[in-house]
N, C-alpha and C. Protein backbone atom coordinates (compact mmCIF):
# COMPACT_ATOMS: atom_id res chain seq x y z
N MET A 1 30.85 19.60 30.08
CA MET A 1 31.03 20.78 30.90
C MET A 1 30.50 22.00 30.15
N LYS A 2 30.29 23.08 30.91
CA LYS A 2 29.84 24.33 30.32
C LYS A 2 30.68 25.48 30.88
N VAL A 3 30.98 26.41 30.00
CA VAL A 3 31.73 27.60 30.39
C VAL A 3 30.80 28.80 30.31
N TRP A 4 30.75 29.57 31.39
CA TRP A 4 29.96 30.79 31.44
C TRP A 4 30.92 31.93 31.13
N LEU A 5 30.93 32.37 29.86
CA LEU A 5 31.97 33.24 29.36
C LEU A 5 31.47 34.67 29.21
N PRO A 6 32.19 35.66 29.76
CA PRO A 6 31.82 37.06 29.53
C PRO A 6 32.22 37.51 28.14
N LEU A 7 31.44 38.39 27.56
CA LEU A 7 31.71 38.94 26.23
C LEU A 7 31.95 40.43 26.35
N PHE A 8 33.12 40.86 25.89
CA PHE A 8 33.48 42.27 25.98
C PHE A 8 33.72 42.83 24.59
N PRO A 9 33.22 44.04 24.29
CA PRO A 9 33.51 44.67 23.00
C PRO A 9 34.96 45.12 22.94
N ARG A 10 35.55 45.12 21.76
CA ARG A 10 36.93 45.52 21.59
C ARG A 10 37.06 47.05 21.75
N ASP A 11 38.15 47.47 22.40
CA ASP A 11 38.46 48.89 22.59
C ASP A 11 37.35 49.63 23.32
N HIS A 12 36.64 48.89 24.18
CA HIS A 12 35.58 49.49 25.01
C HIS A 12 34.50 50.17 24.17
N ARG A 13 34.30 49.66 22.96
CA ARG A 13 33.23 50.20 22.15
C ARG A 13 31.88 49.74 22.68
N LYS A 14 30.84 50.45 22.28
CA LYS A 14 29.51 50.08 22.69
C LYS A 14 29.11 48.78 22.02
N PRO A 15 28.68 47.77 22.79
CA PRO A 15 28.34 46.48 22.18
C PRO A 15 27.06 46.58 21.35
N HIS A 16 26.95 45.64 20.41
CA HIS A 16 25.73 45.59 19.61
C HIS A 16 24.54 45.23 20.49
N SER A 17 23.39 45.65 20.06
CA SER A 17 22.19 45.41 20.87
C SER A 17 21.88 43.93 21.00
N PHE A 18 22.28 43.13 19.98
CA PHE A 18 21.97 41.71 20.02
C PHE A 18 22.99 40.91 20.82
N LEU A 19 24.10 41.56 21.24
CA LEU A 19 25.17 40.85 21.91
C LEU A 19 24.95 40.88 23.42
N SER A 20 24.74 39.72 24.00
CA SER A 20 24.57 39.66 25.46
C SER A 20 25.92 39.80 26.14
N ARG A 21 25.89 40.02 27.44
CA ARG A 21 27.13 40.22 28.18
C ARG A 21 27.81 38.90 28.52
N ARG A 22 27.07 37.85 28.53
CA ARG A 22 27.65 36.54 28.84
C ARG A 22 27.02 35.48 27.94
N ILE A 23 27.74 34.37 27.78
CA ILE A 23 27.26 33.29 26.94
C ILE A 23 27.66 31.96 27.57
N MET A 24 26.79 30.97 27.46
CA MET A 24 27.07 29.64 27.99
C MET A 24 27.51 28.74 26.84
N LEU A 25 28.73 28.18 26.96
CA LEU A 25 29.30 27.36 25.89
C LEU A 25 29.54 25.95 26.42
N PRO A 26 28.86 24.94 25.87
CA PRO A 26 29.07 23.56 26.31
C PRO A 26 30.18 22.87 25.52
N PHE A 27 30.84 21.92 26.13
CA PHE A 27 31.82 21.10 25.42
C PHE A 27 31.98 19.78 26.16
N HIS A 28 32.47 18.78 25.45
CA HIS A 28 32.64 17.43 26.00
C HIS A 28 34.07 17.24 26.50
N ILE A 29 34.21 16.53 27.59
CA ILE A 29 35.53 16.16 28.09
C ILE A 29 35.59 14.64 28.25
N ASN A 30 36.80 14.11 28.21
CA ASN A 30 37.00 12.66 28.26
C ASN A 30 37.54 12.18 29.59
N ILE A 31 37.52 13.05 30.59
CA ILE A 31 38.03 12.69 31.91
C ILE A 31 37.00 13.06 32.96
N TYR A 32 37.20 12.53 34.18
CA TYR A 32 36.35 12.91 35.29
C TYR A 32 36.94 14.16 35.92
N PRO A 33 36.25 15.31 35.86
CA PRO A 33 36.86 16.57 36.31
C PRO A 33 36.97 16.65 37.83
N LEU A 34 38.10 17.13 38.29
CA LEU A 34 38.35 17.34 39.71
C LEU A 34 38.62 18.81 40.03
N ALA A 35 39.25 19.52 39.09
CA ALA A 35 39.54 20.94 39.28
C ALA A 35 39.72 21.59 37.92
N VAL A 36 39.53 22.90 37.88
CA VAL A 36 39.69 23.65 36.65
C VAL A 36 40.70 24.78 36.88
N LEU A 37 41.71 24.85 36.03
CA LEU A 37 42.67 25.96 36.04
C LEU A 37 42.24 26.93 34.94
N PHE A 38 41.51 27.96 35.33
CA PHE A 38 40.89 28.84 34.35
C PHE A 38 41.93 29.61 33.54
N GLU A 39 42.98 30.11 34.18
CA GLU A 39 43.97 30.90 33.46
C GLU A 39 44.78 30.05 32.49
N ASP A 40 44.86 28.75 32.74
CA ASP A 40 45.58 27.84 31.86
C ASP A 40 44.66 27.08 30.91
N ALA A 41 43.34 27.30 31.04
CA ALA A 41 42.36 26.59 30.21
C ALA A 41 42.57 25.09 30.28
N LEU A 42 42.73 24.60 31.49
CA LEU A 42 42.99 23.18 31.74
C LEU A 42 41.97 22.61 32.71
N VAL A 43 41.56 21.37 32.45
CA VAL A 43 40.76 20.61 33.40
C VAL A 43 41.64 19.53 33.98
N LEU A 44 41.75 19.49 35.29
CA LEU A 44 42.48 18.43 35.97
C LEU A 44 41.48 17.37 36.40
N GLY A 45 41.82 16.11 36.17
CA GLY A 45 40.87 15.06 36.50
C GLY A 45 41.51 13.70 36.52
N ALA A 46 40.68 12.69 36.35
CA ALA A 46 41.15 11.31 36.43
C ALA A 46 40.50 10.50 35.32
N VAL A 47 41.20 9.44 34.92
CA VAL A 47 40.66 8.48 33.94
C VAL A 47 40.78 7.09 34.53
N ASN A 48 39.87 6.24 34.11
CA ASN A 48 39.84 4.88 34.61
C ASN A 48 40.01 3.89 33.46
N ASP A 49 40.86 2.92 33.65
CA ASP A 49 41.09 1.88 32.64
C ASP A 49 40.92 0.53 33.33
N THR A 50 40.01 -0.30 32.82
CA THR A 50 39.72 -1.59 33.41
C THR A 50 40.15 -2.70 32.46
N VAL A 51 40.89 -3.66 33.00
CA VAL A 51 41.38 -4.80 32.23
C VAL A 51 40.86 -6.08 32.87
N LEU A 52 40.42 -7.03 32.05
CA LEU A 52 39.95 -8.32 32.54
C LEU A 52 41.05 -9.36 32.38
N TYR A 53 41.43 -10.00 33.49
CA TYR A 53 42.47 -11.03 33.47
C TYR A 53 41.83 -12.42 33.54
N ASP A 54 42.32 -13.33 32.70
CA ASP A 54 41.85 -14.72 32.74
C ASP A 54 42.57 -15.48 33.84
N CYS A 55 41.79 -16.25 34.60
CA CYS A 55 42.38 -17.07 35.68
C CYS A 55 41.74 -18.45 35.63
N LEU A 56 42.55 -19.48 35.65
CA LEU A 56 42.06 -20.86 35.58
C LEU A 56 41.81 -21.36 37.00
N TYR A 57 40.56 -21.64 37.30
CA TYR A 57 40.16 -22.08 38.64
C TYR A 57 39.78 -23.55 38.57
N THR A 58 40.33 -24.38 39.48
CA THR A 58 40.10 -25.83 39.47
C THR A 58 39.27 -26.24 40.68
N GLN A 59 38.20 -26.97 40.45
CA GLN A 59 37.41 -27.56 41.52
C GLN A 59 37.89 -29.00 41.72
N THR A 60 38.46 -29.28 42.92
CA THR A 60 39.07 -30.57 43.17
C THR A 60 38.04 -31.69 43.19
N SER A 61 36.89 -31.43 43.82
CA SER A 61 35.90 -32.49 43.95
C SER A 61 35.37 -32.94 42.60
N ALA A 62 35.03 -32.02 41.76
CA ALA A 62 34.47 -32.39 40.47
C ALA A 62 35.53 -32.48 39.38
N ARG A 63 36.77 -32.07 39.74
CA ARG A 63 37.87 -32.06 38.79
C ARG A 63 37.50 -31.30 37.52
N GLU A 64 36.90 -30.14 37.74
CA GLU A 64 36.51 -29.30 36.61
C GLU A 64 37.38 -28.04 36.60
N HIS A 65 37.68 -27.59 35.43
CA HIS A 65 38.45 -26.36 35.25
C HIS A 65 37.51 -25.26 34.79
N LEU A 66 37.47 -24.19 35.54
CA LEU A 66 36.62 -23.06 35.20
C LEU A 66 37.49 -21.84 34.90
N GLU A 67 37.13 -21.13 33.85
CA GLU A 67 37.85 -19.91 33.49
C GLU A 67 37.12 -18.72 34.10
N VAL A 68 37.81 -18.00 34.96
CA VAL A 68 37.22 -16.87 35.67
C VAL A 68 37.90 -15.58 35.23
N LEU A 69 37.12 -14.54 35.02
CA LEU A 69 37.63 -13.24 34.63
C LEU A 69 37.64 -12.31 35.85
N PHE A 70 38.81 -11.79 36.18
CA PHE A 70 38.95 -10.87 37.29
C PHE A 70 39.22 -9.46 36.75
N PRO A 71 38.38 -8.49 37.10
CA PRO A 71 38.63 -7.12 36.64
C PRO A 71 39.75 -6.45 37.45
N PHE A 72 40.57 -5.69 36.76
CA PHE A 72 41.64 -4.94 37.41
C PHE A 72 41.55 -3.49 36.91
N SER A 73 41.30 -2.58 37.81
CA SER A 73 41.08 -1.18 37.43
C SER A 73 42.28 -0.32 37.80
N ILE A 74 42.60 0.60 36.91
CA ILE A 74 43.68 1.55 37.13
C ILE A 74 43.11 2.96 37.00
N VAL A 75 43.31 3.77 38.01
CA VAL A 75 42.88 5.16 38.01
C VAL A 75 44.11 6.05 37.96
N GLU A 76 44.15 6.93 36.97
CA GLU A 76 45.31 7.79 36.79
C GLU A 76 44.88 9.25 36.75
N ARG A 77 45.71 10.11 37.28
CA ARG A 77 45.48 11.55 37.18
C ARG A 77 45.94 12.04 35.81
N THR A 78 45.18 12.97 35.25
CA THR A 78 45.53 13.50 33.94
C THR A 78 44.94 14.89 33.80
N SER A 79 45.12 15.50 32.65
CA SER A 79 44.59 16.83 32.38
C SER A 79 44.11 16.88 30.94
N GLN A 80 43.27 17.86 30.65
CA GLN A 80 42.74 18.02 29.29
C GLN A 80 42.55 19.51 29.01
N ILE A 81 43.04 19.96 27.86
CA ILE A 81 42.83 21.34 27.46
C ILE A 81 41.46 21.47 26.82
N TYR A 82 40.86 22.65 26.98
CA TYR A 82 39.52 22.84 26.43
C TYR A 82 39.38 24.15 25.66
N LEU A 83 40.47 24.89 25.49
CA LEU A 83 40.38 26.18 24.82
C LEU A 83 39.89 26.05 23.39
N HIS A 84 40.32 24.99 22.68
CA HIS A 84 39.89 24.84 21.28
C HIS A 84 38.39 24.63 21.17
N HIS A 85 37.79 24.00 22.18
CA HIS A 85 36.33 23.84 22.17
C HIS A 85 35.64 25.19 22.28
N ILE A 86 36.16 26.05 23.16
CA ILE A 86 35.55 27.36 23.36
C ILE A 86 35.68 28.22 22.11
N LEU A 87 36.87 28.22 21.52
CA LEU A 87 37.07 29.00 20.31
C LEU A 87 36.15 28.53 19.19
N ARG A 88 36.01 27.23 19.07
CA ARG A 88 35.14 26.70 18.01
C ARG A 88 33.69 27.09 18.24
N GLN A 89 33.23 27.03 19.48
CA GLN A 89 31.85 27.40 19.78
C GLN A 89 31.59 28.87 19.46
N LEU A 90 32.57 29.72 19.73
CA LEU A 90 32.42 31.14 19.41
C LEU A 90 32.34 31.36 17.90
N LEU A 91 33.18 30.64 17.14
CA LEU A 91 33.15 30.77 15.68
C LEU A 91 31.83 30.26 15.11
N VAL A 92 31.30 29.20 15.67
CA VAL A 92 30.00 28.68 15.21
C VAL A 92 28.91 29.72 15.40
N ARG A 93 29.02 30.51 16.47
CA ARG A 93 28.01 31.53 16.78
C ARG A 93 28.33 32.88 16.15
N ASN A 94 29.27 32.89 15.18
CA ASN A 94 29.66 34.12 14.49
C ASN A 94 30.21 35.17 15.45
N LEU A 95 30.90 34.74 16.48
CA LEU A 95 31.53 35.63 17.43
C LEU A 95 33.04 35.57 17.24
N GLY A 96 33.47 35.78 15.99
CA GLY A 96 34.90 35.70 15.68
C GLY A 96 35.73 36.72 16.41
N GLU A 97 35.20 37.93 16.62
CA GLU A 97 35.95 38.97 17.34
C GLU A 97 36.21 38.55 18.78
N GLN A 98 35.20 37.95 19.39
CA GLN A 98 35.38 37.47 20.76
C GLN A 98 36.37 36.31 20.81
N ALA A 99 36.33 35.45 19.79
CA ALA A 99 37.28 34.34 19.73
C ALA A 99 38.71 34.85 19.60
N LEU A 100 38.92 35.90 18.80
CA LEU A 100 40.25 36.48 18.65
C LEU A 100 40.74 37.09 19.95
N LEU A 101 39.87 37.80 20.65
CA LEU A 101 40.25 38.40 21.93
C LEU A 101 40.68 37.32 22.92
N LEU A 102 39.90 36.25 22.98
CA LEU A 102 40.22 35.16 23.90
C LEU A 102 41.51 34.46 23.51
N ALA A 103 41.67 34.20 22.20
CA ALA A 103 42.86 33.50 21.73
C ALA A 103 44.13 34.32 21.97
N HIS A 104 44.07 35.61 21.70
CA HIS A 104 45.25 36.46 21.92
C HIS A 104 45.61 36.54 23.40
N SER A 105 44.61 36.47 24.26
CA SER A 105 44.90 36.51 25.70
C SER A 105 45.56 35.22 26.18
N CYS A 106 45.42 34.13 25.39
CA CYS A 106 46.00 32.84 25.77
C CYS A 106 47.17 32.44 24.88
N ALA A 107 47.62 33.36 24.02
CA ALA A 107 48.65 33.02 23.04
C ALA A 107 49.98 32.69 23.68
N THR A 108 50.21 33.11 24.92
CA THR A 108 51.49 32.83 25.58
C THR A 108 51.52 31.45 26.24
N LEU A 109 50.40 30.75 26.25
CA LEU A 109 50.40 29.41 26.83
C LEU A 109 51.30 28.50 26.01
N PRO A 110 52.07 27.62 26.66
CA PRO A 110 53.02 26.79 25.90
C PRO A 110 52.36 25.85 24.91
N TYR A 111 51.11 25.48 25.14
CA TYR A 111 50.43 24.55 24.26
C TYR A 111 49.43 25.26 23.34
N PHE A 112 49.53 26.58 23.20
CA PHE A 112 48.61 27.30 22.33
C PHE A 112 48.69 26.83 20.88
N PRO A 113 49.90 26.57 20.32
CA PRO A 113 49.94 26.02 18.95
C PRO A 113 49.16 24.72 18.82
N HIS A 114 49.20 23.89 19.86
CA HIS A 114 48.46 22.63 19.83
C HIS A 114 46.95 22.89 19.86
N VAL A 115 46.53 23.96 20.52
CA VAL A 115 45.12 24.32 20.57
C VAL A 115 44.60 24.62 19.16
N LEU A 116 45.34 25.42 18.41
CA LEU A 116 44.94 25.75 17.04
C LEU A 116 44.91 24.50 16.16
N GLU A 117 45.91 23.65 16.34
CA GLU A 117 45.98 22.43 15.54
C GLU A 117 44.82 21.50 15.86
N LEU A 118 44.47 21.38 17.13
CA LEU A 118 43.36 20.52 17.53
C LEU A 118 42.05 21.01 16.92
N MET A 119 41.81 22.31 16.98
CA MET A 119 40.57 22.84 16.43
C MET A 119 40.48 22.58 14.93
N LEU A 120 41.57 22.85 14.22
CA LEU A 120 41.59 22.61 12.77
C LEU A 120 41.39 21.14 12.45
N HIS A 121 42.06 20.28 13.19
CA HIS A 121 42.00 18.84 12.91
C HIS A 121 40.60 18.28 13.19
N GLU A 122 39.98 18.68 14.28
CA GLU A 122 38.67 18.14 14.64
C GLU A 122 37.61 18.57 13.63
N VAL A 123 37.64 19.85 13.24
CA VAL A 123 36.66 20.32 12.26
C VAL A 123 36.88 19.63 10.91
N LEU A 124 38.14 19.46 10.52
CA LEU A 124 38.45 18.78 9.27
C LEU A 124 37.94 17.35 9.28
N GLU A 125 38.20 16.61 10.33
CA GLU A 125 37.78 15.21 10.41
C GLU A 125 36.26 15.09 10.34
N GLU A 126 35.56 15.97 11.04
CA GLU A 126 34.10 15.87 11.08
C GLU A 126 33.47 16.22 9.72
N GLU A 127 33.97 17.27 9.10
CA GLU A 127 33.34 17.72 7.86
C GLU A 127 33.77 16.89 6.65
N ALA A 128 35.05 16.53 6.58
CA ALA A 128 35.54 15.79 5.41
C ALA A 128 35.04 14.36 5.38
N THR A 129 34.68 13.80 6.53
CA THR A 129 34.20 12.42 6.58
C THR A 129 32.69 12.33 6.74
N SER A 130 32.01 13.47 6.67
CA SER A 130 30.56 13.47 6.82
C SER A 130 29.89 12.81 5.62
N ARG A 131 28.90 11.98 5.89
CA ARG A 131 28.16 11.32 4.81
C ARG A 131 27.10 12.23 4.21
N GLU A 132 26.73 13.25 4.94
CA GLU A 132 25.72 14.18 4.45
C GLU A 132 26.38 15.49 4.06
N PRO A 133 25.87 16.17 3.04
CA PRO A 133 26.42 17.47 2.65
C PRO A 133 26.28 18.48 3.78
N ILE A 134 27.29 19.31 3.96
CA ILE A 134 27.28 20.32 5.02
C ILE A 134 26.90 21.66 4.40
N PRO A 135 25.73 22.19 4.74
CA PRO A 135 25.28 23.43 4.09
C PRO A 135 26.14 24.64 4.45
N ASP A 136 26.66 24.68 5.66
CA ASP A 136 27.45 25.84 6.09
C ASP A 136 28.71 25.33 6.78
N PRO A 137 29.72 24.91 6.01
CA PRO A 137 30.93 24.33 6.63
C PRO A 137 31.68 25.35 7.47
N LEU A 138 32.27 24.86 8.54
CA LEU A 138 33.00 25.72 9.47
C LEU A 138 34.49 25.81 9.14
N LEU A 139 35.00 24.86 8.37
CA LEU A 139 36.44 24.80 8.12
C LEU A 139 36.99 26.09 7.50
N PRO A 140 36.35 26.71 6.50
CA PRO A 140 36.88 27.98 5.98
C PRO A 140 36.98 29.06 7.04
N THR A 141 36.02 29.10 7.96
CA THR A 141 36.06 30.09 9.04
C THR A 141 37.21 29.81 9.98
N VAL A 142 37.43 28.54 10.31
CA VAL A 142 38.55 28.17 11.17
C VAL A 142 39.88 28.49 10.50
N ALA A 143 39.98 28.21 9.21
CA ALA A 143 41.21 28.50 8.47
C ALA A 143 41.51 30.00 8.47
N LYS A 144 40.48 30.82 8.23
CA LYS A 144 40.66 32.27 8.26
C LYS A 144 41.06 32.74 9.64
N PHE A 145 40.49 32.12 10.67
CA PHE A 145 40.81 32.49 12.05
C PHE A 145 42.28 32.20 12.36
N ILE A 146 42.78 31.07 11.91
CA ILE A 146 44.16 30.69 12.21
C ILE A 146 45.16 31.59 11.50
N THR A 147 44.77 32.16 10.36
CA THR A 147 45.69 33.06 9.64
C THR A 147 46.00 34.31 10.44
N GLU A 148 45.25 34.58 11.49
CA GLU A 148 45.51 35.75 12.33
C GLU A 148 46.73 35.55 13.22
N PHE A 149 47.31 34.36 13.21
CA PHE A 149 48.41 34.06 14.11
C PHE A 149 49.65 33.68 13.31
N PRO A 150 50.84 34.01 13.81
CA PRO A 150 52.08 33.70 13.08
C PRO A 150 52.30 32.21 12.86
N LEU A 151 51.59 31.37 13.62
CA LEU A 151 51.80 29.93 13.54
C LEU A 151 50.92 29.28 12.48
N PHE A 152 50.34 30.08 11.59
CA PHE A 152 49.39 29.53 10.62
C PHE A 152 50.03 28.45 9.75
N LEU A 153 51.18 28.71 9.17
CA LEU A 153 51.82 27.77 8.27
C LEU A 153 52.19 26.47 8.98
N GLN A 154 52.72 26.59 10.20
CA GLN A 154 53.09 25.39 10.95
C GLN A 154 51.85 24.60 11.37
N THR A 155 50.79 25.31 11.75
CA THR A 155 49.56 24.64 12.18
C THR A 155 48.97 23.80 11.06
N VAL A 156 48.91 24.36 9.87
CA VAL A 156 48.33 23.66 8.72
C VAL A 156 49.14 22.42 8.37
N VAL A 157 50.46 22.55 8.30
CA VAL A 157 51.27 21.42 7.88
C VAL A 157 51.29 20.32 8.94
N HIS A 158 51.27 20.69 10.21
CA HIS A 158 51.22 19.67 11.26
C HIS A 158 49.90 18.91 11.20
N CYS A 159 48.81 19.65 10.93
CA CYS A 159 47.51 19.00 10.82
C CYS A 159 47.49 18.05 9.63
N ALA A 160 48.05 18.48 8.51
CA ALA A 160 48.05 17.63 7.32
C ALA A 160 48.88 16.37 7.53
N ARG A 161 50.03 16.50 8.19
CA ARG A 161 50.90 15.34 8.40
C ARG A 161 50.25 14.30 9.32
N LYS A 162 49.30 14.72 10.14
CA LYS A 162 48.63 13.81 11.06
C LYS A 162 47.26 13.37 10.53
N THR A 163 46.97 13.71 9.28
CA THR A 163 45.67 13.39 8.69
C THR A 163 45.87 12.50 7.47
N GLU A 164 44.89 11.68 7.18
CA GLU A 164 44.96 10.80 6.01
C GLU A 164 45.00 11.62 4.73
N TYR A 165 45.67 11.07 3.72
CA TYR A 165 45.79 11.77 2.44
C TYR A 165 44.42 12.05 1.82
N ALA A 166 43.47 11.18 2.06
CA ALA A 166 42.14 11.35 1.45
C ALA A 166 41.47 12.64 1.88
N LEU A 167 41.89 13.23 2.98
CA LEU A 167 41.28 14.46 3.47
C LEU A 167 42.06 15.70 3.08
N TRP A 168 43.19 15.53 2.42
CA TRP A 168 44.05 16.68 2.12
C TRP A 168 43.38 17.66 1.16
N ASN A 169 42.69 17.18 0.16
CA ASN A 169 42.05 18.08 -0.81
C ASN A 169 41.04 18.99 -0.12
N TYR A 170 40.28 18.42 0.83
CA TYR A 170 39.30 19.22 1.57
C TYR A 170 40.01 20.25 2.44
N LEU A 171 41.12 19.85 3.03
CA LEU A 171 41.87 20.76 3.90
C LEU A 171 42.44 21.93 3.10
N PHE A 172 43.16 21.63 2.02
CA PHE A 172 43.85 22.69 1.29
C PHE A 172 42.89 23.53 0.45
N ALA A 173 41.68 23.03 0.21
CA ALA A 173 40.67 23.87 -0.44
C ALA A 173 40.25 25.01 0.48
N ALA A 174 40.42 24.82 1.78
CA ALA A 174 40.04 25.85 2.75
C ALA A 174 41.21 26.73 3.16
N VAL A 175 42.41 26.13 3.31
CA VAL A 175 43.55 26.88 3.84
C VAL A 175 44.44 27.46 2.75
N GLY A 176 44.32 26.97 1.51
CA GLY A 176 45.14 27.49 0.43
C GLY A 176 45.96 26.40 -0.24
N ASN A 177 46.45 26.72 -1.42
CA ASN A 177 47.26 25.77 -2.19
C ASN A 177 48.55 25.45 -1.45
N PRO A 178 48.89 24.16 -1.27
CA PRO A 178 50.11 23.82 -0.53
C PRO A 178 51.38 24.35 -1.19
N LYS A 179 51.36 24.51 -2.52
CA LYS A 179 52.53 25.07 -3.20
C LYS A 179 52.73 26.52 -2.80
N ASP A 180 51.64 27.27 -2.71
CA ASP A 180 51.74 28.67 -2.28
C ASP A 180 52.20 28.76 -0.84
N LEU A 181 51.71 27.88 0.01
CA LEU A 181 52.13 27.88 1.41
C LEU A 181 53.60 27.50 1.54
N PHE A 182 54.05 26.59 0.69
CA PHE A 182 55.46 26.21 0.65
C PHE A 182 56.33 27.41 0.29
N GLU A 183 55.90 28.18 -0.70
CA GLU A 183 56.67 29.36 -1.11
C GLU A 183 56.66 30.43 -0.02
N GLU A 184 55.57 30.53 0.72
CA GLU A 184 55.53 31.48 1.84
C GLU A 184 56.56 31.11 2.90
N CYS A 185 56.71 29.82 3.14
CA CYS A 185 57.71 29.37 4.10
C CYS A 185 59.12 29.73 3.64
N LEU A 186 59.38 29.57 2.36
CA LEU A 186 60.70 29.92 1.82
C LEU A 186 60.97 31.41 1.96
N MET A 187 59.96 32.22 1.68
CA MET A 187 60.13 33.66 1.79
C MET A 187 60.37 34.07 3.23
N ALA A 188 59.77 33.35 4.17
CA ALA A 188 59.95 33.65 5.59
C ALA A 188 61.19 32.97 6.18
N GLN A 189 61.94 32.26 5.34
CA GLN A 189 63.15 31.55 5.78
C GLN A 189 62.83 30.49 6.85
N ASP A 190 61.60 29.97 6.82
CA ASP A 190 61.21 28.89 7.73
C ASP A 190 61.44 27.57 7.00
N LEU A 191 62.67 27.11 7.01
CA LEU A 191 63.03 25.96 6.19
C LEU A 191 62.48 24.65 6.76
N ASP A 192 62.36 24.55 8.07
CA ASP A 192 61.82 23.33 8.67
C ASP A 192 60.38 23.11 8.23
N THR A 193 59.57 24.15 8.29
CA THR A 193 58.17 24.04 7.85
C THR A 193 58.10 23.83 6.35
N ALA A 194 58.99 24.49 5.61
CA ALA A 194 59.01 24.31 4.15
C ALA A 194 59.31 22.87 3.79
N ALA A 195 60.19 22.23 4.54
CA ALA A 195 60.51 20.83 4.27
C ALA A 195 59.29 19.94 4.46
N SER A 196 58.47 20.25 5.45
CA SER A 196 57.24 19.47 5.67
C SER A 196 56.27 19.66 4.52
N TYR A 197 56.15 20.89 4.02
CA TYR A 197 55.28 21.13 2.86
C TYR A 197 55.82 20.43 1.62
N LEU A 198 57.12 20.37 1.50
CA LEU A 198 57.72 19.69 0.35
C LEU A 198 57.37 18.21 0.35
N ILE A 199 57.35 17.60 1.53
CA ILE A 199 56.94 16.19 1.63
C ILE A 199 55.49 16.02 1.19
N ILE A 200 54.63 16.96 1.59
CA ILE A 200 53.22 16.90 1.19
C ILE A 200 53.08 17.02 -0.31
N LEU A 201 53.82 17.95 -0.91
CA LEU A 201 53.77 18.13 -2.36
C LEU A 201 54.27 16.89 -3.09
N GLN A 202 55.30 16.25 -2.56
CA GLN A 202 55.82 15.04 -3.19
C GLN A 202 54.81 13.90 -3.14
N VAL A 203 53.97 13.89 -2.12
CA VAL A 203 52.94 12.86 -2.02
C VAL A 203 51.77 13.18 -2.94
N MET A 204 51.39 14.47 -3.00
CA MET A 204 50.20 14.85 -3.75
C MET A 204 50.41 14.79 -5.25
N VAL A 205 51.58 15.16 -5.73
CA VAL A 205 51.82 15.20 -7.18
C VAL A 205 51.69 13.83 -7.83
N PRO A 206 52.32 12.76 -7.31
CA PRO A 206 52.13 11.44 -7.94
C PRO A 206 50.68 10.99 -7.93
N HIS A 207 49.94 11.30 -6.85
CA HIS A 207 48.53 10.92 -6.80
C HIS A 207 47.73 11.68 -7.85
N LYS A 208 48.05 12.96 -8.04
CA LYS A 208 47.34 13.74 -9.06
C LYS A 208 47.60 13.19 -10.46
N LEU A 209 48.85 12.82 -10.73
CA LEU A 209 49.18 12.25 -12.04
C LEU A 209 48.48 10.93 -12.26
N GLN A 210 48.40 10.12 -11.21
CA GLN A 210 47.71 8.83 -11.33
C GLN A 210 46.22 9.03 -11.59
N GLU A 211 45.60 10.02 -10.92
CA GLU A 211 44.19 10.29 -11.13
C GLU A 211 43.93 10.74 -12.55
N ARG A 212 44.85 11.55 -13.12
CA ARG A 212 44.65 12.02 -14.49
C ARG A 212 44.75 10.88 -15.49
N ARG A 213 45.65 9.93 -15.22
CA ARG A 213 45.79 8.77 -16.11
C ARG A 213 44.56 7.91 -16.08
N LEU A 214 43.98 7.75 -14.89
CA LEU A 214 42.76 6.97 -14.79
C LEU A 214 41.60 7.66 -15.47
């Protein structure tokens, strides 16, 4: 799908000469789209799941048993958020100010924290598992973008808990030392998030000691 997005300067300032008034941003979806809820940044659609069932068919005359596969399809209604795709495309194009304006306008959505987590997780997975060196990685830009929101500490720790340990060094090199983030949680009296960081630190420290011994 593609989004035809208007670009507005902040505080009604005069836009830069190189900044067009609109931009076309493409993104991939995993469902068949039926409707779009623009204010909710949701695509409503359907998904199809096909299962093959084995059935034993007997021919009486020849007394032969044949195995036949019968397809059974299930179509279900579903939805997919796409805001994280749009924000990422804006950051790739160095339109961070526009990304912030859009994100702040959608910050009241109930799944906005999940949007930030999805963007961080997808960029992390792509860059940390890339076989080729990335000349201009996007993860530091995404990390800096997420710090603009109060959910930064929770977003990072949720992403880490859902990611393999092998990718943690790449993640925390961009978002900051997990020990420092843990202390920030304590200062903010966010004990639930601090507990999650403590689990991460308990996992990372033994691995670091083992690496030094090797």
